[in-house]
């Protein structure tokens, strides 16, 4: 099942894999702990700093 959300807490709890997209392009993907706790890409870090 694919779920699209900006609710990061929800995504962290239920996702097996998180995909962060920007302008229709996959920027980063992986386990929630990797993408949400230690993002590798600046665009992911910028988004998370605004919503967390």
PDB file of N, CA and C in Angstrom:
ATOM      1  N   UNK A   1       0.840  -1.158   0.000  1.00  0.00           N
ATOM      2  CA  UNK A   1       0.000   0.000   0.000  1.00  0.00           C
ATOM      3  C   UNK A   1       0.896   1.235   0.000  1.00  0.00           C
ATOM      4  N   UNK A   2       0.526   2.221  -0.767  1.00  0.00           N
ATOM      5  CA  UNK A   2       1.232   3.495  -0.796  1.00  0.00           C
ATOM      6  C   UNK A   2       0.345   4.539  -0.132  1.00  0.00           C
ATOM      7  N   UNK A   3       0.925   5.275   0.806  1.00  0.00           N
ATOM      8  CA  UNK A   3       0.218   6.341   1.496  1.00  0.00           C
ATOM      9  C   UNK A   3       1.043   7.617   1.330  1.00  0.00           C
ATOM     10  N   UNK A   4       0.404   8.677   0.916  1.00  0.00           N
ATOM     11  CA  UNK A   4       1.068   9.976   0.785  1.00  0.00           C
ATOM     12  C   UNK A   4       0.633  10.834   1.965  1.00  0.00           C
ATOM     13  N   UNK A   5       1.630  11.376   2.701  1.00  0.00           N
ATOM     14  CA  UNK A   5       1.302  12.171   3.883  1.00  0.00           C
ATOM     15  C   UNK A   5       2.414  13.158   4.202  1.00  0.00           C
ATOM     16  N   UNK A   6       2.046  14.220   4.863  1.00  0.00           N
ATOM     17  CA  UNK A   6       3.016  15.131   5.448  1.00  0.00           C
ATOM     18  C   UNK A   6       3.055  14.946   6.964  1.00  0.00           C
ATOM     19  N   UNK A   7       2.294  13.984   7.467  1.00  0.00           N
ATOM     20  CA  UNK A   7       2.275  13.667   8.900  1.00  0.00           C
ATOM     21  C   UNK A   7       3.462  12.762   9.219  1.00  0.00           C
ATOM     22  N   UNK A   8       4.557  13.361   9.611  1.00  0.00           N
ATOM     23  CA  UNK A   8       5.806  12.632   9.775  1.00  0.00           C
ATOM     24  C   UNK A   8       5.726  11.602  10.902  1.00  0.00           C
ATOM     25  N   UNK A   9       5.070  11.929  11.991  1.00  0.00           N
ATOM     26  CA  UNK A   9       4.923  10.964  13.088  1.00  0.00           C
ATOM     27  C   UNK A   9       4.177   9.719  12.650  1.00  0.00           C
ATOM     28  N   UNK A  10       3.117   9.912  11.891  1.00  0.00           N
ATOM     29  CA  UNK A  10       2.352   8.789  11.348  1.00  0.00           C
ATOM     30  C   UNK A  10       3.228   7.956  10.421  1.00  0.00           C
ATOM     31  N   UNK A  11       3.925   8.611   9.524  1.00  0.00           N
ATOM     32  CA  UNK A  11       4.792   7.896   8.580  1.00  0.00           C
ATOM     33  C   UNK A  11       5.856   7.093   9.315  1.00  0.00           C
ATOM     34  N   UNK A  12       6.433   7.698  10.340  1.00  0.00           N
ATOM     35  CA  UNK A  12       7.483   7.014  11.117  1.00  0.00           C
ATOM     36  C   UNK A  12       6.942   5.734  11.769  1.00  0.00           C
ATOM     37  N   UNK A  13       5.707   5.797  12.254  1.00  0.00           N
ATOM     38  CA  UNK A  13       5.123   4.652  12.960  1.00  0.00           C
ATOM     39  C   UNK A  13       4.699   3.513  12.041  1.00  0.00           C
ATOM     40  N   UNK A  14       4.145   3.834  10.874  1.00  0.00           N
ATOM     41  CA  UNK A  14       3.518   2.782  10.065  1.00  0.00           C
ATOM     42  C   UNK A  14       4.316   2.354   8.841  1.00  0.00           C
ATOM     43  N   UNK A  15       5.298   3.147   8.425  1.00  0.00           N
ATOM     44  CA  UNK A  15       5.986   2.850   7.167  1.00  0.00           C
ATOM     45  C   UNK A  15       7.101   1.831   7.339  1.00  0.00           C
ATOM     46  N   UNK A  16       7.229   0.973   6.342  1.00  0.00           N
ATOM     47  CA  UNK A  16       8.397   0.101   6.225  1.00  0.00           C
ATOM     48  C   UNK A  16       9.491   0.816   5.437  1.00  0.00           C
ATOM     49  N   UNK A  17       9.062   1.681   4.522  1.00  0.00           N
ATOM     50  CA  UNK A  17       9.962   2.419   3.652  1.00  0.00           C
ATOM     51  C   UNK A  17       9.374   3.814   3.453  1.00  0.00           C
ATOM     52  N   UNK A  18      10.227   4.840   3.508  1.00  0.00           N
ATOM     53  CA  UNK A  18       9.804   6.218   3.291  1.00  0.00           C
ATOM     54  C   UNK A  18      10.464   6.721   2.013  1.00  0.00           C
ATOM     55  N   UNK A  19       9.677   7.396   1.188  1.00  0.00           N
ATOM     56  CA  UNK A  19      10.213   8.003  -0.027  1.00  0.00           C
ATOM     57  C   UNK A  19       9.944   9.498   0.069  1.00  0.00           C
ATOM     58  N   UNK A  20      10.990  10.302  -0.007  1.00  0.00           N
ATOM     59  CA  UNK A  20      10.841  11.751  -0.021  1.00  0.00           C
ATOM     60  C   UNK A  20      10.986  12.218  -1.460  1.00  0.00           C
ATOM     61  N   UNK A  21       9.969  12.944  -1.930  1.00  0.00           N
ATOM     62  CA  UNK A  21       9.966  13.434  -3.309  1.00  0.00           C
ATOM     63  C   UNK A  21       9.916  14.952  -3.321  1.00  0.00           C
ATOM     64  N   UNK A  22      10.508  15.530  -4.351  1.00  0.00           N
ATOM     65  CA  UNK A  22      10.463  16.974  -4.565  1.00  0.00           C
ATOM     66  C   UNK A  22      10.287  17.208  -6.063  1.00  0.00           C
ATOM     67  N   UNK A  23       9.233  17.907  -6.434  1.00  0.00           N
ATOM     68  CA  UNK A  23       8.931  18.218  -7.838  1.00  0.00           C
ATOM     69  C   UNK A  23       8.822  16.949  -8.683  1.00  0.00           C
ATOM     70  N   UNK A  24       8.245  15.905  -8.079  1.00  0.00           N
ATOM     71  CA  UNK A  24       8.029  14.663  -8.815  1.00  0.00           C
ATOM     72  C   UNK A  24       9.242  13.771  -8.950  1.00  0.00           C
ATOM     73  N   UNK A  25      10.312  14.114  -8.280  1.00  0.00           N
ATOM     74  CA  UNK A  25      11.553  13.342  -8.356  1.00  0.00           C
ATOM     75  C   UNK A  25      11.853  12.748  -6.986  1.00  0.00           C
ATOM     76  N   UNK A  26      12.217  11.466  -6.953  1.00  0.00           N
ATOM     77  CA  UNK A  26      12.610  10.825  -5.692  1.00  0.00           C
ATOM     78  C   UNK A  26      13.961  11.395  -5.277  1.00  0.00           C
ATOM     79  N   UNK A  27      13.981  12.019  -4.098  1.00  0.00           N
ATOM     80  CA  UNK A  27      15.197  12.625  -3.573  1.00  0.00           C
ATOM     81  C   UNK A  27      15.918  11.654  -2.641  1.00  0.00           C
ATOM     82  N   UNK A  28      15.134  10.935  -1.854  1.00  0.00           N
ATOM     83  CA  UNK A  28      15.714  10.050  -0.848  1.00  0.00           C
ATOM     84  C   UNK A  28      14.701   8.976  -0.488  1.00  0.00           C
ATOM     85  N   UNK A  29      15.188   7.785  -0.217  1.00  0.00           N
ATOM     86  CA  UNK A  29      14.291   6.713   0.216  1.00  0.00           C
ATOM     87  C   UNK A  29      15.040   5.748   1.110  1.00  0.00           C
ATOM     88  N   UNK A  30      14.270   5.073   1.970  1.00  0.00           N
ATOM     89  CA  UNK A  30      14.857   4.101   2.869  1.00  0.00           C
ATOM     90  C   UNK A  30      13.978   3.900   4.078  1.00  0.00           C
ATOM     91  N   UNK A  31      14.493   3.210   5.080  1.00  0.00           N
ATOM     92  CA  UNK A  31      13.735   2.997   6.310  1.00  0.00           C
ATOM     93  C   UNK A  31      13.437   4.343   6.979  1.00  0.00           C
ATOM     94  N   UNK A  32      12.302   4.442   7.673  1.00  0.00           N
ATOM     95  CA  UNK A  32      11.952   5.705   8.318  1.00  0.00           C
ATOM     96  C   UNK A  32      13.065   6.265   9.210  1.00  0.00           C
ATOM     97  N   UNK A  33      13.745   5.413   9.956  1.00  0.00           N
ATOM     98  CA  UNK A  33      14.800   5.904  10.847  1.00  0.00           C
ATOM     99  C   UNK A  33      15.926   6.566  10.061  1.00  0.00           C
ATOM    100  N   UNK A  34      16.257   6.039   8.904  1.00  0.00           N
ATOM    101  CA  UNK A  34      17.337   6.618   8.095  1.00  0.00           C
ATOM    102  C   UNK A  34      16.910   7.933   7.456  1.00  0.00           C
ATOM    103  N   UNK A  35      15.757   7.936   6.823  1.00  0.00           N
ATOM    104  CA  UNK A  35      15.320   9.122   6.080  1.00  0.00           C
ATOM    105  C   UNK A  35      14.875  10.238   7.020  1.00  0.00           C
ATOM    106  N   UNK A  36      14.174   9.906   8.076  1.00  0.00           N
ATOM    107  CA  UNK A  36      13.597  10.939   8.941  1.00  0.00           C
ATOM    108  C   UNK A  36      14.528  11.383  10.066  1.00  0.00           C
ATOM    109  N   UNK A  37      15.405  10.507  10.528  1.00  0.00           N
ATOM    110  CA  UNK A  37      16.300  10.865  11.631  1.00  0.00           C
ATOM    111  C   UNK A  37      17.657  11.364  11.143  1.00  0.00           C
ATOM    112  N   UNK A  38      18.146  10.807  10.051  1.00  0.00           N
ATOM    113  CA  UNK A  38      19.463  11.202   9.528  1.00  0.00           C
ATOM    114  C   UNK A  38      19.408  11.328   8.013  1.00  0.00           C
ATOM    115  N   UNK A  39      18.631  12.289   7.508  1.00  0.00           N
ATOM    116  CA  UNK A  39      18.522  12.444   6.058  1.00  0.00           C
ATOM    117  C   UNK A  39      19.868  12.833   5.443  1.00  0.00           C
ATOM    118  N   UNK A  40      20.134  12.313   4.243  1.00  0.00           N
ATOM    119  CA  UNK A  40      21.401  12.579   3.565  1.00  0.00           C
ATOM    120  C   UNK A  40      21.344  13.817   2.689  1.00  0.00           C
ATOM    121  N   UNK A  41      20.167  14.162   2.193  1.00  0.00           N
ATOM    122  CA  UNK A  41      20.049  15.247   1.221  1.00  0.00           C
ATOM    123  C   UNK A  41      19.558  16.538   1.871  1.00  0.00           C
ATOM    124  N   UNK A  42      20.100  17.651   1.414  1.00  0.00           N
ATOM    125  CA  UNK A  42      19.747  18.956   1.965  1.00  0.00           C
ATOM    126  C   UNK A  42      18.260  19.252   1.819  1.00  0.00           C
ATOM    127  N   UNK A  43      17.660  18.881   0.698  1.00  0.00           N
ATOM    128  CA  UNK A  43      16.236  19.160   0.477  1.00  0.00           C
ATOM    129  C   UNK A  43      15.386  18.434   1.511  1.00  0.00           C
ATOM    130  N   UNK A  44      15.734  17.205   1.838  1.00  0.00           N
ATOM    131  CA  UNK A  44      15.019  16.449   2.865  1.00  0.00           C
ATOM    132  C   UNK A  44      15.188  17.118   4.222  1.00  0.00           C
ATOM    133  N   UNK A  45      16.407  17.511   4.559  1.00  0.00           N
ATOM    134  CA  UNK A  45      16.669  18.182   5.845  1.00  0.00           C
ATOM    135  C   UNK A  45      15.885  19.484   5.940  1.00  0.00           C
ATOM    136  N   UNK A  46      15.837  20.251   4.863  1.00  0.00           N
ATOM    137  CA  UNK A  46      15.112  21.527   4.869  1.00  0.00           C
ATOM    138  C   UNK A  46      13.628  21.305   5.122  1.00  0.00           C
ATOM    139  N   UNK A  47      13.035  20.327   4.440  1.00  0.00           N
ATOM    140  CA  UNK A  47      11.609  20.038   4.635  1.00  0.00           C
ATOM    141  C   UNK A  47      11.343  19.606   6.072  1.00  0.00           C
ATOM    142  N   UNK A  48      12.129  18.679   6.564  1.00  0.00           N
ATOM    143  CA  UNK A  48      11.908  18.158   7.911  1.00  0.00           C
ATOM    144  C   UNK A  48      12.088  19.235   8.974  1.00  0.00           C
ATOM    145  N   UNK A  49      12.990  20.170   8.749  1.00  0.00           N
ATOM    146  CA  UNK A  49      13.191  21.229   9.741  1.00  0.00           C
ATOM    147  C   UNK A  49      11.960  22.134   9.842  1.00  0.00           C
ATOM    148  N   UNK A  50      11.148  22.181   8.799  1.00  0.00           N
ATOM    149  CA  UNK A  50       9.945  23.005   8.816  1.00  0.00           C
ATOM    150  C   UNK A  50       8.732  22.291   9.398  1.00  0.00           C
ATOM    151  N   UNK A  51       8.700  20.975   9.304  1.00  0.00           N
ATOM    152  CA  UNK A  51       7.510  20.244   9.745  1.00  0.00           C
ATOM    153  C   UNK A  51       7.668  19.536  11.082  1.00  0.00           C
ATOM    154  N   UNK A  52       8.877  19.426  11.563  1.00  0.00           N
ATOM    155  CA  UNK A  52       9.081  18.746  12.857  1.00  0.00           C
ATOM    156  C   UNK A  52       9.195  19.728  13.988  1.00  0.00           C
TER     157      UNK A  52
END
